[in-house]
Amino acid sequence: LAQLMMFLFFTIGAVYMICTGFALYGEGLGEGSWADSMFGWVITAVGGNSLQVHSFHRLGMWVTVCFVIVHVYAAIREDIMSRQSLISTMISGWRMFKD
């Protein structure tokens, strides 16, 4: 279940960030550009307000940044507190078990 949720989080999150990012990029390129013709529907679907799309895109960025910070903290903490050496193995290449 956790693996499915992580897959969906990253897949849906990546598609969301790509669609909103290209919609904002298409608005900057101008009407009739390739990005506007492919992703202009995103701004229309939100209500025609590109500032709202920008805010949602930035919110997605902050969710991703916070997830990365918490994930790195949890991995380093697990390396220090646990018997296994996960992060140390990634850095040094040697797998050790603490007794």
C-alpha atoms as a PDB file:
ATOM      1  CA  LEU A   1       0.000   0.000   0.000  1.00  0.00           C
ATOM      2  CA  ALA A   2       2.813   2.407   0.854  1.00  0.00           C
ATOM      3  CA  GLN A   3       4.603   1.668  -2.411  1.00  0.00           C
ATOM      4  CA  LEU A   4       1.403   2.279  -4.381  1.00  0.00           C
ATOM      5  CA  MET A   5       0.790   5.578  -2.602  1.00  0.00           C
ATOM      6  CA  MET A   6       4.373   6.750  -3.206  1.00  0.00           C
ATOM      7  CA  PHE A   7       4.097   5.809  -6.879  1.00  0.00           C
ATOM      8  CA  LEU A   8       0.817   7.688  -7.229  1.00  0.00           C
ATOM      9  CA  PHE A   9       2.170  10.674  -5.290  1.00  0.00           C
ATOM     10  CA  PHE A  10       5.149  11.038  -7.592  1.00  0.00           C
ATOM     11  CA  THR A  11       3.320  10.179 -10.817  1.00  0.00           C
ATOM     12  CA  ILE A  12       0.330  12.444 -10.236  1.00  0.00           C
ATOM     13  CA  GLY A  13       2.562  15.122  -8.713  1.00  0.00           C
ATOM     14  CA  ALA A  14       4.935  15.075 -11.675  1.00  0.00           C
ATOM     15  CA  VAL A  15       2.102  15.256 -14.218  1.00  0.00           C
ATOM     16  CA  TYR A  16       0.512  18.091 -12.210  1.00  0.00           C
ATOM     17  CA  MET A  17       3.761  20.088 -12.066  1.00  0.00           C
ATOM     18  CA  ILE A  18       4.502  19.508 -15.765  1.00  0.00           C
ATOM     19  CA  CYS A  19       1.014  20.552 -16.878  1.00  0.00           C
ATOM     20  CA  THR A  20       0.875  23.683 -14.721  1.00  0.00           C
ATOM     21  CA  GLY A  21       4.457  24.600 -15.601  1.00  0.00           C
ATOM     22  CA  PHE A  22       3.922  24.331 -19.339  1.00  0.00           C
ATOM     23  CA  ALA A  23       0.621  26.216 -19.019  1.00  0.00           C
ATOM     24  CA  LEU A  24       2.452  29.117 -17.390  1.00  0.00           C
ATOM     25  CA  TYR A  25       5.259  28.838 -19.950  1.00  0.00           C
ATOM     26  CA  GLY A  26       2.715  28.918 -22.775  1.00  0.00           C
ATOM     27  CA  GLU A  27       1.213  32.088 -21.390  1.00  0.00           C
ATOM     28  CA  GLY A  28       4.647  33.701 -21.469  1.00  0.00           C
ATOM     29  CA  LEU A  29       5.310  32.566 -25.043  1.00  0.00           C
ATOM     30  CA  GLY A  30       2.040  34.046 -26.228  1.00  0.00           C
ATOM     31  CA  GLU A  31      -1.236  32.919 -27.686  1.00  0.00           C
ATOM     32  CA  GLY A  32      -0.898  30.370 -30.468  1.00  0.00           C
ATOM     33  CA  SER A  33       2.445  28.960 -29.310  1.00  0.00           C
ATOM     34  CA  TRP A  34       2.957  25.215 -28.999  1.00  0.00           C
ATOM     35  CA  ALA A  35       2.831  25.332 -25.196  1.00  0.00           C
ATOM     36  CA  ASP A  36      -0.300  27.469 -25.189  1.00  0.00           C
ATOM     37  CA  SER A  37      -2.090  25.210 -27.658  1.00  0.00           C
ATOM     38  CA  MET A  38      -1.155  22.036 -25.728  1.00  0.00           C
ATOM     39  CA  PHE A  39      -1.468  23.247 -22.119  1.00  0.00           C
ATOM     40  CA  GLY A  40      -3.636  26.362 -22.317  1.00  0.00           C
ATOM     41  CA  TRP A  41      -6.607  24.311 -21.139  1.00  0.00           C
ATOM     42  CA  VAL A  42      -5.071  24.173 -17.647  1.00  0.00           C
ATOM     43  CA  ILE A  43      -5.532  27.907 -17.098  1.00  0.00           C
ATOM     44  CA  THR A  44      -9.050  27.711 -18.516  1.00  0.00           C
ATOM     45  CA  ALA A  45      -9.898  24.733 -16.266  1.00  0.00           C
ATOM     46  CA  VAL A  46      -8.810  26.636 -13.163  1.00  0.00           C
ATOM     47  CA  GLY A  47     -11.044  29.538 -14.091  1.00  0.00           C
ATOM     48  CA  GLY A  48      -8.964  31.591 -16.482  1.00  0.00           C
ATOM     49  CA  ASN A  49      -6.804  33.084 -13.752  1.00  0.00           C
ATOM     50  CA  SER A  50      -3.118  32.375 -14.388  1.00  0.00           C
ATOM     51  CA  LEU A  51      -2.168  33.773 -10.969  1.00  0.00           C
ATOM     52  CA  GLN A  52      -4.148  30.953  -9.392  1.00  0.00           C
ATOM     53  CA  VAL A  53      -2.301  28.407 -11.555  1.00  0.00           C
ATOM     54  CA  HIS A  54       0.973  30.038 -10.511  1.00  0.00           C
ATOM     55  CA  SER A  55      -0.004  29.745  -6.842  1.00  0.00           C
ATOM     56  CA  PHE A  56      -0.963  26.071  -7.245  1.00  0.00           C
ATOM     57  CA  HIS A  57       2.297  25.385  -9.085  1.00  0.00           C
ATOM     58  CA  ARG A  58       4.288  27.076  -6.329  1.00  0.00           C
ATOM     59  CA  LEU A  59       2.337  25.122  -3.693  1.00  0.00           C
ATOM     60  CA  GLY A  60       3.315  21.909  -5.484  1.00  0.00           C
ATOM     61  CA  MET A  61       6.934  23.040  -5.442  1.00  0.00           C
ATOM     62  CA  TRP A  62       6.844  23.644  -1.682  1.00  0.00           C
ATOM     63  CA  VAL A  63       5.199  20.270  -1.056  1.00  0.00           C
ATOM     64  CA  THR A  64       8.012  18.625  -3.026  1.00  0.00           C
ATOM     65  CA  VAL A  65      10.726  20.615  -1.200  1.00  0.00           C
ATOM     66  CA  CYS A  66       9.255  19.777   2.217  1.00  0.00           C
ATOM     67  CA  PHE A  67       8.956  16.103   1.276  1.00  0.00           C
ATOM     68  CA  VAL A  68      12.617  15.988   0.220  1.00  0.00           C
ATOM     69  CA  ILE A  69      13.762  17.666   3.451  1.00  0.00           C
ATOM     70  CA  VAL A  70      11.729  15.288   5.641  1.00  0.00           C
ATOM     71  CA  HIS A  71      12.822  12.275   3.584  1.00  0.00           C
ATOM     72  CA  VAL A  72      16.537  13.126   3.843  1.00  0.00           C
ATOM     73  CA  TYR A  73      16.185  13.798   7.584  1.00  0.00           C
ATOM     74  CA  ALA A  74      14.399  10.476   8.130  1.00  0.00           C
ATOM     75  CA  ALA A  75      16.998   8.549   6.111  1.00  0.00           C
ATOM     76  CA  ILE A  76      19.928  10.102   8.005  1.00  0.00           C
ATOM     77  CA  ARG A  77      18.183   9.545  11.347  1.00  0.00           C
ATOM     78  CA  GLU A  78      17.514   5.922  10.426  1.00  0.00           C
ATOM     79  CA  ASP A  79      21.194   5.511   9.539  1.00  0.00           C
ATOM     80  CA  ILE A  80      22.254   6.857  12.932  1.00  0.00           C
ATOM     81  CA  MET A  81      19.638   5.088  15.083  1.00  0.00           C
ATOM     82  CA  SER A  82      19.319   1.766  13.255  1.00  0.00           C
ATOM     83  CA  ARG A  83      21.559  -1.281  13.133  1.00  0.00           C
ATOM     84  CA  GLN A  84      21.931  -0.971   9.358  1.00  0.00           C
ATOM     85  CA  SER A  85      24.041   1.664   7.625  1.00  0.00           C
ATOM     86  CA  LEU A  86      21.950   2.810   4.661  1.00  0.00           C
ATOM     87  CA  ILE A  87      23.312   6.317   4.029  1.00  0.00           C
ATOM     88  CA  SER A  88      26.859   5.354   4.999  1.00  0.00           C
ATOM     89  CA  THR A  89      26.708   2.557   2.427  1.00  0.00           C
ATOM     90  CA  MET A  90      25.652   5.014  -0.289  1.00  0.00           C
ATOM     91  CA  ILE A  91      28.566   7.310   0.523  1.00  0.00           C
ATOM     92  CA  SER A  92      31.374   4.844   1.261  1.00  0.00           C
ATOM     93  CA  GLY A  93      30.275   1.772  -0.679  1.00  0.00           C
ATOM     94  CA  TRP A  94      30.838  -0.542   2.304  1.00  0.00           C
ATOM     95  CA  ARG A  95      27.905  -2.197   4.061  1.00  0.00           C
ATOM     96  CA  MET A  96      28.352  -2.454   7.810  1.00  0.00           C
ATOM     97  CA  PHE A  97      26.062  -3.645  10.575  1.00  0.00           C
ATOM     98  CA  LYS A  98      26.292  -2.002  13.973  1.00  0.00           C
ATOM     99  CA  ASP A  99      26.225  -4.242  17.026  1.00  0.00           C
END
